[in-house]
Amino acid sequence: MVKTRDCSKNVDTIYVMYNGEIAEVGDYQDLELHKWIYANMYALQSSWYK
């Protein structure tokens, strides 16, 4: 489990849970490219630090 957004760029595989199921799997670049759940959550959290 990653608590901070910056840590997620350094892991090999990210699992995104949605409604109790694995909804997305990939590394940071893959998940950002698809612009689904992970990318939306990352963008929302990033906006808090601007």
PDB file of N, CA and C in Angstrom:
ATOM      1  N   MET A   1       0.844  -1.170   0.000  1.00  0.00           N
ATOM      2  CA  MET A   1       0.000   0.000   0.000  1.00  0.00           C
ATOM      3  C   MET A   1       0.891   1.234   0.000  1.00  0.00           C
ATOM      4  N   VAL A   2       0.580   2.148  -0.873  1.00  0.00           N
ATOM      5  CA  VAL A   2       1.339   3.383  -0.970  1.00  0.00           C
ATOM      6  C   VAL A   2       0.470   4.519  -0.446  1.00  0.00           C
ATOM      7  N   LYS A   3       1.008   5.269   0.485  1.00  0.00           N
ATOM      8  CA  LYS A   3       0.240   6.367   1.073  1.00  0.00           C
ATOM      9  C   LYS A   3       0.481   7.692   0.380  1.00  0.00           C
ATOM     10  N   THR A   4       1.641   7.862  -0.224  1.00  0.00           N
ATOM     11  CA  THR A   4       1.937   9.144  -0.872  1.00  0.00           C
ATOM     12  C   THR A   4       2.049   8.964  -2.369  1.00  0.00           C
ATOM     13  N   ARG A   5       1.654   9.971  -3.092  1.00  0.00           N
ATOM     14  CA  ARG A   5       1.618   9.871  -4.551  1.00  0.00           C
ATOM     15  C   ARG A   5       3.007   9.732  -5.154  1.00  0.00           C
ATOM     16  N   ASP A   6       4.030  10.333  -4.545  1.00  0.00           N
ATOM     17  CA  ASP A   6       5.371  10.261  -5.115  1.00  0.00           C
ATOM     18  C   ASP A   6       5.968   8.865  -5.037  1.00  0.00           C
ATOM     19  N   CYS A   7       5.602   8.093  -4.041  1.00  0.00           N
ATOM     20  CA  CYS A   7       6.110   6.727  -3.903  1.00  0.00           C
ATOM     21  C   CYS A   7       5.636   5.828  -5.036  1.00  0.00           C
ATOM     22  N   SER A   8       4.466   6.099  -5.591  1.00  0.00           N
ATOM     23  CA  SER A   8       3.899   5.221  -6.607  1.00  0.00           C
ATOM     24  C   SER A   8       4.712   5.214  -7.897  1.00  0.00           C
ATOM     25  N   LYS A   9       5.523   6.227  -8.135  1.00  0.00           N
ATOM     26  CA  LYS A   9       6.350   6.269  -9.340  1.00  0.00           C
ATOM     27  C   LYS A   9       7.534   5.317  -9.261  1.00  0.00           C
ATOM     28  N   ASN A  10       7.850   4.820  -8.062  1.00  0.00           N
ATOM     29  CA  ASN A  10       9.040   4.001  -7.867  1.00  0.00           C
ATOM     30  C   ASN A  10       8.757   2.522  -7.670  1.00  0.00           C
ATOM     31  N   VAL A  11       7.517   2.083  -7.798  1.00  0.00           N
ATOM     32  CA  VAL A  11       7.189   0.677  -7.595  1.00  0.00           C
ATOM     33  C   VAL A  11       7.046  -0.031  -8.938  1.00  0.00           C
ATOM     34  N   ASP A  12       7.221  -1.350  -8.920  1.00  0.00           N
ATOM     35  CA  ASP A  12       7.135  -2.142 -10.155  1.00  0.00           C
ATOM     36  C   ASP A  12       5.698  -2.329 -10.630  1.00  0.00           C
ATOM     37  N   THR A  13       4.809  -2.602  -9.684  1.00  0.00           N
ATOM     38  CA  THR A  13       3.415  -2.885 -10.042  1.00  0.00           C
ATOM     39  C   THR A  13       2.471  -2.207  -9.056  1.00  0.00           C
ATOM     40  N   ILE A  14       1.449  -1.571  -9.600  1.00  0.00           N
ATOM     41  CA  ILE A  14       0.424  -0.913  -8.806  1.00  0.00           C
ATOM     42  C   ILE A  14      -0.891  -1.655  -9.059  1.00  0.00           C
ATOM     43  N   TYR A  15      -1.573  -1.992  -7.969  1.00  0.00           N
ATOM     44  CA  TYR A  15      -2.894  -2.606  -8.055  1.00  0.00           C
ATOM     45  C   TYR A  15      -3.910  -1.583  -7.569  1.00  0.00           C
ATOM     46  N   VAL A  16      -4.904  -1.294  -8.394  1.00  0.00           N
ATOM     47  CA  VAL A  16      -5.936  -0.334  -8.037  1.00  0.00           C
ATOM     48  C   VAL A  16      -7.204  -1.115  -7.694  1.00  0.00           C
ATOM     49  N   MET A  17      -7.688  -0.914  -6.471  1.00  0.00           N
ATOM     50  CA  MET A  17      -8.914  -1.572  -6.017  1.00  0.00           C
ATOM     51  C   MET A  17     -10.104  -0.641  -6.237  1.00  0.00           C
ATOM     52  N   TYR A  18     -11.211  -1.218  -6.681  1.00  0.00           N
ATOM     53  CA  TYR A  18     -12.441  -0.460  -6.856  1.00  0.00           C
ATOM     54  C   TYR A  18     -13.610  -1.383  -6.537  1.00  0.00           C
ATOM     55  N   ASN A  19     -14.439  -0.988  -5.610  1.00  0.00           N
ATOM     56  CA  ASN A  19     -15.568  -1.802  -5.168  1.00  0.00           C
ATOM     57  C   ASN A  19     -15.146  -3.204  -4.740  1.00  0.00           C
ATOM     58  N   GLY A  20     -14.013  -3.290  -4.060  1.00  0.00           N
ATOM     59  CA  GLY A  20     -13.549  -4.561  -3.519  1.00  0.00           C
ATOM     60  C   GLY A  20     -12.881  -5.490  -4.516  1.00  0.00           C
ATOM     61  N   GLU A  21     -12.635  -5.028  -5.715  1.00  0.00           N
ATOM     62  CA  GLU A  21     -11.999  -5.853  -6.748  1.00  0.00           C
ATOM     63  C   GLU A  21     -10.824  -5.103  -7.365  1.00  0.00           C
ATOM     64  N   ILE A  22      -9.887  -5.860  -7.917  1.00  0.00           N
ATOM     65  CA  ILE A  22      -8.761  -5.245  -8.620  1.00  0.00           C
ATOM     66  C   ILE A  22      -9.273  -4.728  -9.958  1.00  0.00           C
ATOM     67  N   ALA A  23      -9.201  -3.420 -10.131  1.00  0.00           N
ATOM     68  CA  ALA A  23      -9.737  -2.789 -11.336  1.00  0.00           C
ATOM     69  C   ALA A  23      -8.655  -2.463 -12.356  1.00  0.00           C
ATOM     70  N   GLU A  24      -7.439  -2.195 -11.889  1.00  0.00           N
ATOM     71  CA  GLU A  24      -6.328  -1.843 -12.773  1.00  0.00           C
ATOM     72  C   GLU A  24      -5.040  -2.415 -12.203  1.00  0.00           C
ATOM     73  N   VAL A  25      -4.138  -2.799 -13.103  1.00  0.00           N
ATOM     74  CA  VAL A  25      -2.820  -3.293 -12.710  1.00  0.00           C
ATOM     75  C   VAL A  25      -1.810  -2.746 -13.710  1.00  0.00           C
ATOM     76  N   GLY A  26      -0.697  -2.243 -13.197  1.00  0.00           N
ATOM     77  CA  GLY A  26       0.366  -1.767 -14.074  1.00  0.00           C
ATOM     78  C   GLY A  26       1.348  -0.920 -13.303  1.00  0.00           C
ATOM     79  N   ASP A  27       2.332  -0.390 -14.008  1.00  0.00           N
ATOM     80  CA  ASP A  27       3.247   0.540 -13.356  1.00  0.00           C
ATOM     81  C   ASP A  27       2.693   1.958 -13.543  1.00  0.00           C
ATOM     82  N   TYR A  28       3.383   2.918 -12.965  1.00  0.00           N
ATOM     83  CA  TYR A  28       2.914   4.306 -13.000  1.00  0.00           C
ATOM     84  C   TYR A  28       2.640   4.774 -14.428  1.00  0.00           C
ATOM     85  N   GLN A  29       3.568   4.530 -15.331  1.00  0.00           N
ATOM     86  CA  GLN A  29       3.417   5.021 -16.705  1.00  0.00           C
ATOM     87  C   GLN A  29       2.229   4.379 -17.412  1.00  0.00           C
ATOM     88  N   ASP A  30       2.038   3.073 -17.225  1.00  0.00           N
ATOM     89  CA  ASP A  30       0.897   2.391 -17.847  1.00  0.00           C
ATOM     90  C   ASP A  30      -0.429   2.962 -17.360  1.00  0.00           C
ATOM     91  N   LEU A  31      -0.533   3.140 -16.049  1.00  0.00           N
ATOM     92  CA  LEU A  31      -1.792   3.605 -15.483  1.00  0.00           C
ATOM     93  C   LEU A  31      -2.073   5.066 -15.814  1.00  0.00           C
ATOM     94  N   GLU A  32      -1.061   5.877 -15.908  1.00  0.00           N
ATOM     95  CA  GLU A  32      -1.246   7.274 -16.317  1.00  0.00           C
ATOM     96  C   GLU A  32      -1.664   7.353 -17.781  1.00  0.00           C
ATOM     97  N   LEU A  33      -1.144   6.474 -18.596  1.00  0.00           N
ATOM     98  CA  LEU A  33      -1.460   6.460 -20.027  1.00  0.00           C
ATOM     99  C   LEU A  33      -2.937   6.158 -20.273  1.00  0.00           C
ATOM    100  N   HIS A  34      -3.518   5.258 -19.489  1.00  0.00           N
ATOM    101  CA  HIS A  34      -4.907   4.851 -19.707  1.00  0.00           C
ATOM    102  C   HIS A  34      -5.940   5.867 -19.238  1.00  0.00           C
ATOM    103  N   LYS A  35      -5.552   6.753 -18.302  1.00  0.00           N
ATOM    104  CA  LYS A  35      -6.456   7.813 -17.815  1.00  0.00           C
ATOM    105  C   LYS A  35      -7.759   7.262 -17.239  1.00  0.00           C
ATOM    106  N   TRP A  36      -7.644   6.210 -16.413  1.00  0.00           N
ATOM    107  CA  TRP A  36      -8.824   5.644 -15.767  1.00  0.00           C
ATOM    108  C   TRP A  36      -8.798   5.990 -14.282  1.00  0.00           C
ATOM    109  N   ILE A  37      -9.083   5.032 -13.446  1.00  0.00           N
ATOM    110  CA  ILE A  37      -9.227   5.273 -12.007  1.00  0.00           C
ATOM    111  C   ILE A  37      -7.945   5.825 -11.396  1.00  0.00           C
ATOM    112  N   TYR A  38      -6.829   5.156 -11.618  1.00  0.00           N
ATOM    113  CA  TYR A  38      -5.564   5.585 -11.003  1.00  0.00           C
ATOM    114  C   TYR A  38      -5.204   7.001 -11.439  1.00  0.00           C
ATOM    115  N   ALA A  39      -5.277   7.264 -12.712  1.00  0.00           N
ATOM    116  CA  ALA A  39      -4.904   8.591 -13.229  1.00  0.00           C
ATOM    117  C   ALA A  39      -5.795   9.681 -12.635  1.00  0.00           C
ATOM    118  N   ASN A  40      -7.071   9.397 -12.484  1.00  0.00           N
ATOM    119  CA  ASN A  40      -7.986  10.376 -11.894  1.00  0.00           C
ATOM    120  C   ASN A  40      -7.666  10.626 -10.427  1.00  0.00           C
ATOM    121  N   MET A  41      -7.389   9.547  -9.678  1.00  0.00           N
ATOM    122  CA  MET A  41      -7.036   9.712  -8.263  1.00  0.00           C
ATOM    123  C   MET A  41      -5.720  10.467  -8.121  1.00  0.00           C
ATOM    124  N   TYR A  42      -4.758  10.160  -8.959  1.00  0.00           N
ATOM    125  CA  TYR A  42      -3.454  10.821  -8.898  1.00  0.00           C
ATOM    126  C   TYR A  42      -3.604  12.315  -9.186  1.00  0.00           C
ATOM    127  N   ALA A  43      -4.380  12.642 -10.205  1.00  0.00           N
ATOM    128  CA  ALA A  43      -4.589  14.050 -10.561  1.00  0.00           C
ATOM    129  C   ALA A  43      -5.297  14.803  -9.435  1.00  0.00           C
ATOM    130  N   LEU A  44      -6.280  14.168  -8.808  1.00  0.00           N
ATOM    131  CA  LEU A  44      -6.986  14.803  -7.705  1.00  0.00           C
ATOM    132  C   LEU A  44      -6.051  15.088  -6.544  1.00  0.00           C
ATOM    133  N   GLN A  45      -5.238  14.101  -6.167  1.00  0.00           N
ATOM    134  CA  GLN A  45      -4.301  14.297  -5.070  1.00  0.00           C
ATOM    135  C   GLN A  45      -3.232  15.336  -5.431  1.00  0.00           C
ATOM    136  N   SER A  46      -2.790  15.332  -6.657  1.00  0.00           N
ATOM    137  CA  SER A  46      -1.765  16.294  -7.091  1.00  0.00           C
ATOM    138  C   SER A  46      -2.266  17.725  -6.981  1.00  0.00           C
ATOM    139  N   SER A  47      -3.555  17.917  -7.236  1.00  0.00           N
ATOM    140  CA  SER A  47      -4.105  19.275  -7.185  1.00  0.00           C
ATOM    141  C   SER A  47      -4.043  19.852  -5.772  1.00  0.00           C
ATOM    142  N   TRP A  48      -4.002  19.005  -4.752  1.00  0.00           N
ATOM    143  CA  TRP A  48      -3.911  19.476  -3.378  1.00  0.00           C
ATOM    144  C   TRP A  48      -2.544  20.092  -3.062  1.00  0.00           C
ATOM    145  N   TYR A  49      -1.524  19.741  -3.851  1.00  0.00           N
ATOM    146  CA  TYR A  49      -0.159  20.184  -3.569  1.00  0.00           C
ATOM    147  C   TYR A  49       0.286  21.348  -4.436  1.00  0.00           C
ATOM    148  N   LYS A  50      -0.584  21.868  -5.273  1.00  0.00           N
ATOM    149  CA  LYS A  50      -0.220  22.973  -6.155  1.00  0.00           C
ATOM    150  C   LYS A  50      -0.408  24.294  -5.473  1.00  0.00           C
TER     151      LYS A  50
END
